[in-house]
Amino acid sequence: MKTITGVIIAKNDEKMIAKALESLEFCNEIIVINNDSKDRTKQVAEGFKAKVYDITSGDFSELRNFGLSKVTTDYVLYIDTDERVSRELKESILEVLKSEEIYVAYKIQRKNFYFGNYEWPYIEKLERFFKKDKLVTWKGKLHESPVIDGKVGELKGFLTHFTHRDLESMVNKTMEWSDKEALLRYNTHHPQMSWWRFPRVMLTAFLNSYIKQKGFKAGTAGFVERINQSFSMFITYAKLWELQKISKKS
């Protein structure tokens, strides 16, 4: 049977990473890319016999590519510290390792859970499982995507994602990511911000997730989450406006 490495990128995730590592117990090896953690993330990972590499970067493609460079097995599976490999997904991956190669990469269905156990209706599909020598590279500083040499299949089972576990983590993540999002837009010469752009992007974000993705089915938790998405867009574009204002003065 072919071999597999699980790769996790972690930063200050001592409370979440253990469950992620447990869900990768079927892998031949586990690699943790420790991105400048200040807590016990590294020690927890080492307790699971993971190979831990220290690096500091705000570029997610760089982090994923760094992890890829350390992989020596036939296949590589990427998950985040707040994600878990379900039993059905694990079995689907093991079937691929036993079978003849048809695809060089696979999409995985991801279920998102907010505030602990509120399931989001919309199921994402992400490319996270690859034949190592067919994953050319990752590109994109923040919203990274893989460059693959070959055909892509789809696995059975789910990757469960426990994001925004409480209001504090939700707001903290919004503030952290909005800095990066605003800078990306600024560096790509986004049109000058005007007042009317704010309600437009906020309303678009709300309608896309609450209506198109059927977030209303998640009840009050869904409404709170979608208001946060609109708030996140407001903060991102407000920071972009601030960057543009500072640039004009300089």
Protein backbone atom coordinates (compact mmCIF):
# COMPACT_ATOMS: atom_id res chain seq x y z
CA MET A 1 0.00 0.00 0.00
CA LYS A 2 1.18 3.49 -0.82
CA THR A 3 2.25 5.83 1.97
CA ILE A 4 0.80 9.13 3.17
CA THR A 5 1.84 12.17 5.20
CA GLY A 6 -0.58 14.46 7.03
CA VAL A 7 0.47 18.12 7.08
CA ILE A 8 -0.89 20.71 9.51
CA ILE A 9 -0.04 24.42 9.60
CA ALA A 10 -0.38 25.71 13.16
CA LYS A 11 -0.08 28.99 15.04
CA ASN A 12 -1.01 29.28 18.72
CA ASP A 13 -3.37 26.31 18.46
CA GLU A 14 -2.55 24.31 21.60
CA LYS A 15 -6.27 23.91 22.44
CA MET A 16 -7.30 22.58 19.00
CA ILE A 17 -4.39 20.72 17.46
CA ALA A 18 -4.63 17.51 19.51
CA LYS A 19 -7.97 16.46 17.97
CA ALA A 20 -6.63 17.22 14.48
CA LEU A 21 -3.55 15.08 15.15
CA GLU A 22 -5.70 12.25 16.50
CA SER A 23 -7.72 12.23 13.27
CA LEU A 24 -4.48 11.73 11.30
CA GLU A 25 -3.42 8.62 13.23
CA PHE A 26 -3.73 6.50 10.06
CA CYS A 27 -0.97 8.48 8.30
CA ASN A 28 2.55 7.08 8.00
CA GLU A 29 3.92 10.38 9.27
CA ILE A 30 2.60 13.73 10.45
CA ILE A 31 4.29 17.06 9.78
CA VAL A 32 3.40 20.21 11.70
CA ILE A 33 4.51 23.56 10.31
CA ASN A 34 4.75 25.69 13.45
CA ASN A 35 4.20 29.29 12.38
CA ASP A 36 5.73 31.33 15.22
CA SER A 37 3.52 29.90 17.98
CA LYS A 38 3.89 31.48 21.41
CA ASP A 39 1.93 28.80 23.29
CA ARG A 40 2.42 25.02 23.70
CA THR A 41 1.43 24.10 20.13
CA LYS A 42 4.88 22.67 19.38
CA GLN A 43 5.01 20.59 22.56
CA VAL A 44 1.53 19.15 21.97
CA ALA A 45 2.47 18.18 18.40
CA GLU A 46 5.71 16.55 19.53
CA GLY A 47 3.68 14.56 22.07
CA PHE A 48 1.93 12.94 19.09
CA LYS A 49 5.31 12.08 17.52
CA ALA A 50 4.78 14.64 14.77
CA LYS A 51 7.76 16.13 12.95
CA VAL A 52 7.66 19.83 13.82
CA TYR A 53 9.32 22.51 11.70
CA ASP A 54 9.50 26.14 12.81
CA ILE A 55 8.90 28.95 10.34
CA THR A 56 7.46 32.46 10.42
CA SER A 57 5.40 33.66 7.47
CA GLY A 58 2.14 35.41 6.62
CA ASP A 59 2.09 33.75 3.19
CA PHE A 60 -0.07 30.61 3.30
CA SER A 61 1.29 29.26 0.02
CA GLU A 62 4.81 29.55 1.37
CA LEU A 63 3.76 27.61 4.47
CA ARG A 64 2.05 24.85 2.45
CA ASN A 65 4.99 24.61 0.03
CA PHE A 66 7.41 24.43 2.94
CA GLY A 67 5.40 21.51 4.30
CA LEU A 68 5.38 19.85 0.89
CA SER A 69 9.18 20.08 0.72
CA LYS A 70 9.42 17.95 3.87
CA VAL A 71 7.12 15.15 2.63
CA THR A 72 8.82 11.88 1.64
CA THR A 73 5.72 9.67 1.16
CA ASP A 74 3.64 8.94 -1.96
CA TYR A 75 0.66 11.07 -0.93
CA VAL A 76 0.05 14.17 1.17
CA LEU A 77 -3.08 15.28 3.02
CA TYR A 78 -3.45 18.83 4.32
CA ILE A 79 -5.75 19.72 7.20
CA ASP A 80 -5.98 22.69 9.58
CA THR A 81 -5.88 22.58 13.36
CA ASP A 82 -9.64 23.16 13.61
CA GLU A 83 -10.46 20.35 11.14
CA ARG A 84 -11.02 16.64 11.73
CA VAL A 85 -10.88 13.68 9.32
CA SER A 86 -14.12 11.69 9.62
CA ARG A 87 -14.12 7.88 9.68
CA GLU A 88 -15.71 7.67 6.21
CA LEU A 89 -13.14 10.09 4.79
CA LYS A 90 -10.32 8.11 6.35
CA GLU A 91 -11.64 4.91 4.76
CA SER A 92 -11.99 6.63 1.40
CA ILE A 93 -8.37 7.81 1.57
CA LEU A 94 -7.14 4.34 2.50
CA GLU A 95 -8.99 2.89 -0.49
CA VAL A 96 -7.10 5.29 -2.77
CA LEU A 97 -3.81 4.18 -1.24
CA LYS A 98 -4.65 0.54 -1.99
CA SER A 99 -5.98 1.03 -5.52
CA GLU A 100 -4.56 1.79 -8.94
CA GLU A 101 -3.99 5.50 -9.54
CA ILE A 102 -6.71 7.19 -11.58
CA TYR A 103 -6.49 10.70 -10.18
CA VAL A 104 -3.53 12.67 -8.87
CA ALA A 105 -5.58 14.86 -6.51
CA TYR A 106 -8.93 14.70 -4.75
CA LYS A 107 -11.55 17.17 -3.61
CA ILE A 108 -12.80 16.71 -0.07
CA GLN A 109 -16.23 17.77 1.17
CA ARG A 110 -15.99 20.04 4.21
CA LYS A 111 -18.77 20.57 6.75
CA ASN A 112 -18.49 23.80 8.72
CA PHE A 113 -19.68 24.05 12.31
CA TYR A 114 -20.09 27.39 14.10
CA PHE A 115 -20.21 27.99 17.86
CA GLY A 116 -19.40 24.37 18.53
CA ASN A 117 -22.24 22.36 17.01
CA TYR A 118 -24.28 24.55 14.63
CA GLU A 119 -23.88 22.97 11.20
CA TRP A 120 -23.72 25.27 8.20
CA PRO A 121 -25.97 24.02 5.33
CA TYR A 122 -23.52 24.71 2.51
CA ILE A 123 -20.89 22.01 1.88
CA GLU A 124 -17.56 23.18 0.51
CA LYS A 125 -15.30 21.12 -1.75
CA LEU A 126 -11.57 21.64 -1.31
CA GLU A 127 -8.52 20.06 -2.95
CA ARG A 128 -6.52 18.77 0.02
CA PHE A 129 -5.33 15.25 -0.87
CA PHE A 130 -2.60 14.84 -3.50
CA LYS A 131 -0.14 12.47 -5.08
CA LYS A 132 3.01 14.13 -3.83
CA ASP A 133 4.94 14.31 -7.09
CA LYS A 134 1.91 15.68 -8.97
CA LEU A 135 1.35 18.64 -6.64
CA VAL A 136 3.45 21.22 -8.46
CA THR A 137 3.06 24.10 -6.01
CA TRP A 138 0.67 26.24 -4.01
CA LYS A 139 -0.03 29.80 -5.16
CA GLY A 140 -1.77 32.78 -3.58
CA LYS A 141 -0.54 34.60 -0.48
CA LEU A 142 -3.78 34.39 1.53
CA HIS A 143 -6.39 32.39 -0.41
CA GLU A 144 -3.99 29.73 -1.60
CA SER A 145 -4.78 27.18 -4.29
CA PRO A 146 -2.87 24.15 -5.59
CA VAL A 147 -1.32 23.76 -9.04
CA ILE A 148 -1.78 20.10 -10.02
CA ASP A 149 -0.42 18.03 -12.89
CA GLY A 150 -3.26 15.63 -13.67
CA LYS A 151 -6.93 14.80 -13.13
CA VAL A 152 -8.87 15.54 -9.95
CA GLY A 153 -11.34 13.13 -8.31
CA GLU A 154 -13.56 13.40 -5.23
CA LEU A 155 -13.51 11.46 -1.98
CA LYS A 156 -16.39 10.14 0.10
CA GLY A 157 -16.82 11.34 3.65
CA PHE A 158 -16.31 14.72 5.23
CA LEU A 159 -13.67 16.94 6.72
CA THR A 160 -15.36 18.58 9.70
CA HIS A 161 -14.39 22.19 10.38
CA PHE A 162 -15.02 23.75 13.80
CA THR A 163 -14.58 27.41 13.02
CA HIS A 164 -15.63 30.47 15.05
CA ARG A 165 -16.10 28.51 18.24
CA ASP A 166 -17.22 31.59 20.19
CA LEU A 167 -17.76 35.31 19.67
CA GLU A 168 -14.28 36.20 20.89
CA SER A 169 -12.50 33.91 18.42
CA MET A 170 -14.85 35.10 15.66
CA VAL A 171 -14.01 38.78 16.19
CA ASN A 172 -10.30 38.12 16.72
CA LYS A 173 -10.09 36.19 13.45
CA THR A 174 -11.96 38.94 11.63
CA MET A 175 -9.52 41.58 12.86
CA GLU A 176 -6.46 39.45 12.04
CA TRP A 177 -7.55 38.47 8.53
CA SER A 178 -8.90 41.90 7.62
CA ASP A 179 -5.39 43.36 7.82
CA LYS A 180 -4.14 40.84 5.27
CA GLU A 181 -7.21 41.16 3.05
CA ALA A 182 -7.00 44.96 3.01
CA LEU A 183 -3.30 44.91 2.16
CA LEU A 184 -3.89 42.45 -0.69
CA ARG A 185 -6.54 44.72 -2.19
CA TYR A 186 -4.31 47.76 -1.73
CA ASN A 187 -1.34 46.06 -3.41
CA THR A 188 -3.51 45.10 -6.40
CA HIS A 189 -4.57 48.76 -6.82
CA HIS A 190 -8.20 48.47 -5.76
CA PRO A 191 -10.31 51.46 -6.92
CA GLN A 192 -10.48 54.33 -4.47
CA MET A 193 -12.95 53.64 -1.68
CA SER A 194 -16.14 55.71 -1.56
CA TRP A 195 -18.99 55.55 0.96
CA TRP A 196 -21.31 53.66 -1.40
CA ARG A 197 -18.90 50.73 -1.73
CA PHE A 198 -19.35 49.83 1.95
CA PRO A 199 -23.08 48.94 1.92
CA ARG A 200 -22.65 47.18 -1.43
CA VAL A 201 -19.94 44.76 -0.27
CA MET A 202 -21.64 44.21 3.09
CA LEU A 203 -25.01 43.42 1.53
CA THR A 204 -23.41 41.15 -1.10
CA ALA A 205 -21.59 39.18 1.61
CA PHE A 206 -24.77 38.78 3.65
CA LEU A 207 -27.00 37.71 0.75
CA ASN A 208 -24.44 35.28 -0.65
CA SER A 209 -24.06 33.38 2.59
CA TYR A 210 -27.45 33.79 4.23
CA ILE A 211 -29.60 33.27 1.12
CA LYS A 212 -27.49 31.56 -1.59
CA GLN A 213 -25.76 29.23 0.88
CA LYS A 214 -29.04 28.85 2.84
CA GLY A 215 -27.49 30.09 6.06
CA PHE A 216 -30.97 30.88 7.37
CA LYS A 217 -31.37 27.15 8.03
CA ALA A 218 -28.77 27.45 10.81
CA GLY A 219 -31.18 29.61 12.83
CA THR A 220 -29.88 32.33 15.15
CA ALA A 221 -26.29 31.05 14.91
CA GLY A 222 -26.48 31.38 11.14
CA PHE A 223 -27.76 34.94 11.40
CA VAL A 224 -25.03 35.93 13.87
CA GLU A 225 -22.37 34.37 11.66
CA ARG A 226 -23.61 36.15 8.54
CA ILE A 227 -23.78 39.51 10.28
CA ASN A 228 -20.17 38.88 11.23
CA GLN A 229 -19.35 38.25 7.55
CA SER A 230 -20.84 41.61 6.66
CA PHE A 231 -18.90 43.21 9.52
CA SER A 232 -15.74 41.50 8.27
CA MET A 233 -16.22 43.05 4.83
CA PHE A 234 -16.80 46.46 6.41
CA ILE A 235 -13.60 46.24 8.48
CA THR A 236 -11.57 44.99 5.51
CA TYR A 237 -12.67 47.83 3.27
CA ALA A 238 -12.39 50.41 6.05
CA LYS A 239 -8.77 49.37 6.49
CA LEU A 240 -8.30 49.58 2.72
CA TRP A 241 -9.76 53.11 2.79
CA GLU A 242 -7.30 53.98 5.57
CA LEU A 243 -4.35 52.62 3.59
CA GLN A 244 -5.41 54.63 0.54
CA LYS A 245 -5.79 57.77 2.66
CA ILE A 246 -2.31 57.37 4.14
CA SER A 247 -0.87 56.74 0.67
CA LYS A 248 -2.34 60.02 -0.62
CA LYS A 249 -0.65 61.97 2.15
CA SER A 250 2.77 60.46 1.55
